[in-house]
Amino acid sequence: MTWIITKYLLTAGIVVFVSEVAKRSDKLGGFIAALPLMAVLTLFWLYVENQPEEKMANHAYYTFWYVIPTLPMFLLFPYLLPKLGFGMALGICLVMTVILFWLFALLLKGFGIELL
């Protein structure tokens, strides 16, 4: 149980750290948030917990494909925010991301890459 609590605290600490940096510097906060911190941390946890290399490799592989359909959100959100407010802008972006992910998964299926 201590191990799980440690994982939660360290992982949550990174999120809090990024949000605190973002309060002080938009550019630095964005840069740190763009780093694959969660993916790397997840790989680290999998390694420490002696998960098979195949599991770690699959995590990295699928993370790559899952990131691509999320990227348009980061362009649409700043555009919609002043027009619609936070809640609506974020909601539209989340719905758009789900739709783009689904379409992207259908596209990749034609190339033999199964995301769903």
N, C-alpha and C. Protein backbone atom coordinates (compact mmCIF):
# COMPACT_ATOMS: atom_id res chain seq x y z
N MET A 1 0.82 -1.20 0.00
CA MET A 1 0.00 0.00 0.00
C MET A 1 0.86 1.26 0.00
N THR A 2 1.98 1.21 0.71
CA THR A 2 2.88 2.36 0.75
C THR A 2 3.40 2.68 -0.64
N TRP A 3 3.67 1.63 -1.42
CA TRP A 3 4.18 1.84 -2.78
C TRP A 3 3.17 2.59 -3.63
N ILE A 4 1.90 2.21 -3.56
CA ILE A 4 0.86 2.87 -4.35
C ILE A 4 0.72 4.33 -3.92
N ILE A 5 0.75 4.59 -2.63
CA ILE A 5 0.65 5.96 -2.13
C ILE A 5 1.84 6.79 -2.63
N THR A 6 3.03 6.21 -2.61
CA THR A 6 4.22 6.89 -3.11
C THR A 6 4.06 7.23 -4.59
N LYS A 7 3.57 6.28 -5.37
CA LYS A 7 3.35 6.53 -6.80
C LYS A 7 2.36 7.67 -7.01
N TYR A 8 1.26 7.63 -6.27
CA TYR A 8 0.26 8.70 -6.39
C TYR A 8 0.84 10.06 -6.02
N LEU A 9 1.56 10.13 -4.93
CA LEU A 9 2.12 11.40 -4.48
C LEU A 9 3.14 11.96 -5.47
N LEU A 10 4.02 11.12 -5.96
CA LEU A 10 5.02 11.60 -6.93
C LEU A 10 4.37 12.03 -8.24
N THR A 11 3.44 11.24 -8.72
CA THR A 11 2.75 11.56 -9.97
C THR A 11 1.93 12.84 -9.82
N ALA A 12 1.17 12.95 -8.74
CA ALA A 12 0.38 14.16 -8.49
C ALA A 12 1.29 15.36 -8.29
N GLY A 13 2.43 15.14 -7.65
CA GLY A 13 3.38 16.23 -7.44
C GLY A 13 3.86 16.83 -8.74
N ILE A 14 4.03 16.01 -9.75
CA ILE A 14 4.46 16.53 -11.06
C ILE A 14 3.37 17.41 -11.66
N VAL A 15 2.13 16.98 -11.56
CA VAL A 15 1.02 17.78 -12.09
C VAL A 15 0.93 19.12 -11.36
N VAL A 16 1.04 19.10 -10.06
CA VAL A 16 1.00 20.34 -9.27
C VAL A 16 2.17 21.24 -9.65
N PHE A 17 3.35 20.65 -9.79
CA PHE A 17 4.55 21.41 -10.16
C PHE A 17 4.34 22.11 -11.51
N VAL A 18 3.83 21.38 -12.51
CA VAL A 18 3.61 21.98 -13.83
C VAL A 18 2.60 23.12 -13.74
N SER A 19 1.52 22.93 -12.99
CA SER A 19 0.52 24.01 -12.89
C SER A 19 1.08 25.23 -12.17
N GLU A 20 1.93 25.02 -11.18
CA GLU A 20 2.54 26.15 -10.48
C GLU A 20 3.53 26.89 -11.38
N VAL A 21 4.30 26.16 -12.15
CA VAL A 21 5.21 26.81 -13.10
C VAL A 21 4.41 27.58 -14.14
N ALA A 22 3.31 27.00 -14.63
CA ALA A 22 2.48 27.65 -15.65
C ALA A 22 1.88 28.96 -15.14
N LYS A 23 1.63 29.06 -13.84
CA LYS A 23 1.11 30.31 -13.27
C LYS A 23 2.13 31.44 -13.43
N ARG A 24 3.40 31.09 -13.37
CA ARG A 24 4.46 32.08 -13.41
C ARG A 24 5.00 32.35 -14.82
N SER A 25 4.95 31.32 -15.66
CA SER A 25 5.48 31.46 -17.01
C SER A 25 4.70 30.59 -17.98
N ASP A 26 3.97 31.23 -18.89
CA ASP A 26 3.20 30.49 -19.88
C ASP A 26 4.10 29.58 -20.72
N LYS A 27 5.21 30.14 -21.18
CA LYS A 27 6.10 29.39 -22.06
C LYS A 27 6.75 28.21 -21.34
N LEU A 28 7.28 28.45 -20.17
CA LEU A 28 7.95 27.38 -19.44
C LEU A 28 6.94 26.32 -19.00
N GLY A 29 5.77 26.76 -18.54
CA GLY A 29 4.73 25.81 -18.16
C GLY A 29 4.29 24.95 -19.33
N GLY A 30 4.11 25.58 -20.49
CA GLY A 30 3.74 24.84 -21.70
C GLY A 30 4.83 23.86 -22.12
N PHE A 31 6.08 24.32 -22.00
CA PHE A 31 7.20 23.45 -22.37
C PHE A 31 7.26 22.22 -21.48
N ILE A 32 7.14 22.44 -20.17
CA ILE A 32 7.19 21.30 -19.24
C ILE A 32 5.99 20.38 -19.46
N ALA A 33 4.81 20.97 -19.69
CA ALA A 33 3.61 20.16 -19.92
C ALA A 33 3.73 19.35 -21.21
N ALA A 34 4.45 19.88 -22.19
CA ALA A 34 4.60 19.18 -23.47
C ALA A 34 5.59 18.03 -23.38
N LEU A 35 6.43 18.05 -22.37
CA LEU A 35 7.35 16.93 -22.20
C LEU A 35 6.55 15.68 -21.89
N PRO A 36 7.00 14.54 -22.34
CA PRO A 36 6.23 13.32 -22.08
C PRO A 36 6.44 12.80 -20.65
N LEU A 37 6.22 13.69 -19.68
CA LEU A 37 6.48 13.33 -18.28
C LEU A 37 5.66 12.14 -17.81
N MET A 38 4.37 12.15 -18.10
CA MET A 38 3.52 11.06 -17.63
C MET A 38 3.90 9.74 -18.32
N ALA A 39 4.18 9.79 -19.60
CA ALA A 39 4.56 8.57 -20.31
C ALA A 39 5.88 8.02 -19.76
N VAL A 40 6.84 8.91 -19.54
CA VAL A 40 8.13 8.47 -19.02
C VAL A 40 7.97 7.94 -17.59
N LEU A 41 7.18 8.64 -16.79
CA LEU A 41 6.96 8.18 -15.42
C LEU A 41 6.26 6.82 -15.41
N THR A 42 5.30 6.64 -16.30
CA THR A 42 4.62 5.35 -16.39
C THR A 42 5.59 4.25 -16.79
N LEU A 43 6.45 4.54 -17.77
CA LEU A 43 7.47 3.55 -18.15
C LEU A 43 8.38 3.22 -16.96
N PHE A 44 8.72 4.26 -16.20
CA PHE A 44 9.56 4.05 -15.02
C PHE A 44 8.86 3.14 -14.01
N TRP A 45 7.56 3.42 -13.73
CA TRP A 45 6.83 2.60 -12.78
C TRP A 45 6.73 1.16 -13.28
N LEU A 46 6.48 0.97 -14.57
CA LEU A 46 6.40 -0.38 -15.13
C LEU A 46 7.74 -1.11 -14.97
N TYR A 47 8.83 -0.38 -15.20
CA TYR A 47 10.16 -0.97 -15.07
C TYR A 47 10.45 -1.37 -13.62
N VAL A 48 10.17 -0.43 -12.70
CA VAL A 48 10.43 -0.68 -11.28
C VAL A 48 9.61 -1.86 -10.78
N GLU A 49 8.41 -2.01 -11.33
CA GLU A 49 7.54 -3.11 -10.92
C GLU A 49 7.78 -4.39 -11.72
N ASN A 50 8.91 -4.44 -12.41
CA ASN A 50 9.35 -5.65 -13.15
C ASN A 50 8.33 -6.13 -14.18
N GLN A 51 7.71 -5.20 -14.88
CA GLN A 51 6.80 -5.59 -15.95
C GLN A 51 7.63 -6.03 -17.15
N PRO A 52 7.07 -6.89 -17.99
CA PRO A 52 7.82 -7.38 -19.16
C PRO A 52 8.17 -6.23 -20.12
N GLU A 53 9.28 -6.39 -20.82
CA GLU A 53 9.70 -5.37 -21.78
C GLU A 53 8.62 -5.14 -22.84
N GLU A 54 7.93 -6.20 -23.22
CA GLU A 54 6.86 -6.06 -24.22
C GLU A 54 5.77 -5.10 -23.73
N LYS A 55 5.44 -5.17 -22.46
CA LYS A 55 4.43 -4.27 -21.87
C LYS A 55 4.91 -2.82 -21.96
N MET A 56 6.18 -2.58 -21.63
CA MET A 56 6.73 -1.22 -21.69
C MET A 56 6.80 -0.72 -23.13
N ALA A 57 7.23 -1.59 -24.04
CA ALA A 57 7.32 -1.22 -25.46
C ALA A 57 5.93 -0.89 -26.01
N ASN A 58 4.93 -1.70 -25.67
CA ASN A 58 3.57 -1.44 -26.13
C ASN A 58 3.05 -0.12 -25.59
N HIS A 59 3.37 0.18 -24.33
CA HIS A 59 2.93 1.45 -23.75
C HIS A 59 3.49 2.63 -24.57
N ALA A 60 4.76 2.60 -24.86
CA ALA A 60 5.39 3.68 -25.64
C ALA A 60 4.79 3.75 -27.04
N TYR A 61 4.60 2.60 -27.66
CA TYR A 61 4.05 2.54 -29.02
C TYR A 61 2.66 3.15 -29.08
N TYR A 62 1.77 2.72 -28.20
CA TYR A 62 0.40 3.23 -28.23
C TYR A 62 0.32 4.68 -27.78
N THR A 63 1.18 5.09 -26.86
CA THR A 63 1.19 6.50 -26.46
C THR A 63 1.47 7.39 -27.66
N PHE A 64 2.41 6.98 -28.51
CA PHE A 64 2.70 7.76 -29.73
C PHE A 64 1.44 7.96 -30.55
N TRP A 65 0.72 6.88 -30.83
CA TRP A 65 -0.46 6.98 -31.67
C TRP A 65 -1.60 7.74 -31.00
N TYR A 66 -1.72 7.64 -29.67
CA TYR A 66 -2.80 8.33 -28.97
C TYR A 66 -2.55 9.84 -28.87
N VAL A 67 -1.32 10.27 -28.93
CA VAL A 67 -1.01 11.70 -28.83
C VAL A 67 -1.47 12.46 -30.08
N ILE A 68 -1.31 11.87 -31.23
CA ILE A 68 -1.56 12.58 -32.49
C ILE A 68 -2.96 13.19 -32.56
N PRO A 69 -4.05 12.46 -32.29
CA PRO A 69 -5.37 13.09 -32.40
C PRO A 69 -5.67 14.10 -31.28
N THR A 70 -4.82 14.19 -30.27
CA THR A 70 -5.06 15.19 -29.22
C THR A 70 -4.46 16.55 -29.57
N LEU A 71 -3.54 16.59 -30.51
CA LEU A 71 -2.83 17.83 -30.81
C LEU A 71 -3.72 18.99 -31.29
N PRO A 72 -4.73 18.74 -32.15
CA PRO A 72 -5.58 19.88 -32.57
C PRO A 72 -6.27 20.60 -31.41
N MET A 73 -6.51 19.90 -30.31
CA MET A 73 -7.15 20.53 -29.15
C MET A 73 -6.35 21.73 -28.66
N PHE A 74 -5.03 21.62 -28.71
CA PHE A 74 -4.18 22.68 -28.20
C PHE A 74 -4.17 23.92 -29.09
N LEU A 75 -4.65 23.79 -30.32
CA LEU A 75 -4.83 24.95 -31.19
C LEU A 75 -6.25 25.50 -31.09
N LEU A 76 -7.23 24.61 -30.96
CA LEU A 76 -8.62 25.04 -30.90
C LEU A 76 -8.97 25.70 -29.57
N PHE A 77 -8.45 25.19 -28.46
CA PHE A 77 -8.80 25.72 -27.15
C PHE A 77 -8.49 27.21 -27.01
N PRO A 78 -7.28 27.68 -27.36
CA PRO A 78 -7.02 29.12 -27.21
C PRO A 78 -7.91 29.98 -28.10
N TYR A 79 -8.33 29.43 -29.22
CA TYR A 79 -9.23 30.15 -30.12
C TYR A 79 -10.64 30.26 -29.52
N LEU A 80 -11.13 29.16 -28.96
CA LEU A 80 -12.50 29.13 -28.43
C LEU A 80 -12.63 29.79 -27.06
N LEU A 81 -11.58 29.77 -26.27
CA LEU A 81 -11.65 30.26 -24.88
C LEU A 81 -12.24 31.67 -24.76
N PRO A 82 -11.72 32.67 -25.48
CA PRO A 82 -12.29 34.01 -25.30
C PRO A 82 -13.70 34.15 -25.88
N LYS A 83 -14.07 33.28 -26.80
CA LYS A 83 -15.38 33.37 -27.43
C LYS A 83 -16.47 32.66 -26.63
N LEU A 84 -16.11 31.52 -25.99
CA LEU A 84 -17.13 30.69 -25.36
C LEU A 84 -16.96 30.50 -23.86
N GLY A 85 -15.81 30.90 -23.33
CA GLY A 85 -15.54 30.67 -21.91
C GLY A 85 -14.90 29.31 -21.71
N PHE A 86 -14.38 29.11 -20.50
CA PHE A 86 -13.60 27.91 -20.19
C PHE A 86 -14.37 26.61 -20.37
N GLY A 87 -15.53 26.51 -19.73
CA GLY A 87 -16.28 25.25 -19.74
C GLY A 87 -16.68 24.80 -21.13
N MET A 88 -17.27 25.71 -21.89
CA MET A 88 -17.70 25.37 -23.25
C MET A 88 -16.50 25.06 -24.15
N ALA A 89 -15.46 25.87 -24.05
CA ALA A 89 -14.28 25.64 -24.89
C ALA A 89 -13.66 24.28 -24.57
N LEU A 90 -13.52 23.97 -23.30
CA LEU A 90 -12.93 22.69 -22.92
C LEU A 90 -13.84 21.53 -23.33
N GLY A 91 -15.14 21.69 -23.12
CA GLY A 91 -16.09 20.64 -23.51
C GLY A 91 -16.05 20.36 -25.00
N ILE A 92 -16.06 21.40 -25.81
CA ILE A 92 -16.00 21.23 -27.27
C ILE A 92 -14.69 20.56 -27.66
N CYS A 93 -13.60 20.99 -27.03
CA CYS A 93 -12.29 20.40 -27.34
C CYS A 93 -12.25 18.92 -26.97
N LEU A 94 -12.84 18.56 -25.85
CA LEU A 94 -12.85 17.16 -25.44
C LEU A 94 -13.68 16.31 -26.39
N VAL A 95 -14.85 16.81 -26.78
CA VAL A 95 -15.69 16.09 -27.74
C VAL A 95 -14.96 15.95 -29.07
N MET A 96 -14.34 17.06 -29.53
CA MET A 96 -13.60 17.02 -30.78
C MET A 96 -12.46 16.00 -30.71
N THR A 97 -11.78 15.94 -29.58
CA THR A 97 -10.67 15.01 -29.43
C THR A 97 -11.16 13.56 -29.50
N VAL A 98 -12.28 13.28 -28.87
CA VAL A 98 -12.84 11.92 -28.92
C VAL A 98 -13.21 11.56 -30.36
N ILE A 99 -13.83 12.49 -31.06
CA ILE A 99 -14.21 12.24 -32.46
C ILE A 99 -12.97 12.05 -33.33
N LEU A 100 -11.98 12.92 -33.16
CA LEU A 100 -10.74 12.78 -33.93
C LEU A 100 -10.03 11.47 -33.61
N PHE A 101 -10.04 11.09 -32.34
CA PHE A 101 -9.41 9.82 -31.98
C PHE A 101 -10.11 8.66 -32.68
N TRP A 102 -11.42 8.66 -32.68
CA TRP A 102 -12.19 7.59 -33.30
C TRP A 102 -11.90 7.54 -34.81
N LEU A 103 -11.91 8.72 -35.47
CA LEU A 103 -11.61 8.77 -36.91
C LEU A 103 -10.18 8.32 -37.19
N PHE A 104 -9.26 8.74 -36.35
CA PHE A 104 -7.85 8.37 -36.50
C PHE A 104 -7.69 6.87 -36.34
N ALA A 105 -8.39 6.29 -35.37
CA ALA A 105 -8.33 4.84 -35.15
C ALA A 105 -8.87 4.10 -36.37
N LEU A 106 -9.95 4.61 -36.97
CA LEU A 106 -10.49 3.98 -38.18
C LEU A 106 -9.48 4.06 -39.33
N LEU A 107 -8.84 5.21 -39.47
CA LEU A 107 -7.83 5.39 -40.52
C LEU A 107 -6.66 4.42 -40.33
N LEU A 108 -6.16 4.34 -39.11
CA LEU A 108 -5.01 3.47 -38.84
C LEU A 108 -5.35 2.00 -38.98
N LYS A 109 -6.60 1.67 -38.74
CA LYS A 109 -7.03 0.27 -38.87
C LYS A 109 -6.76 -0.22 -40.29
N GLY A 110 -6.91 0.69 -41.26
CA GLY A 110 -6.63 0.34 -42.66
C GLY A 110 -5.16 0.03 -42.90
N PHE A 111 -4.30 0.46 -42.00
CA PHE A 111 -2.87 0.18 -42.09
C PHE A 111 -2.44 -0.94 -41.14
N GLY A 112 -3.41 -1.59 -40.53
CA GLY A 112 -3.10 -2.71 -39.64
C GLY A 112 -2.74 -2.32 -38.22
N ILE A 113 -3.02 -1.06 -37.83
CA ILE A 113 -2.73 -0.61 -36.47
C ILE A 113 -4.05 -0.51 -35.73
N GLU A 114 -4.21 -1.34 -34.71
CA GLU A 114 -5.46 -1.42 -33.94
C GLU A 114 -5.34 -0.58 -32.66
N LEU A 115 -6.10 0.50 -32.61
CA LEU A 115 -6.09 1.35 -31.40
C LEU A 115 -7.32 1.10 -30.54
N LEU A 116 -8.37 0.60 -31.11
CA LEU A 116 -9.60 0.35 -30.35
C LEU A 116 -9.83 -1.13 -30.19
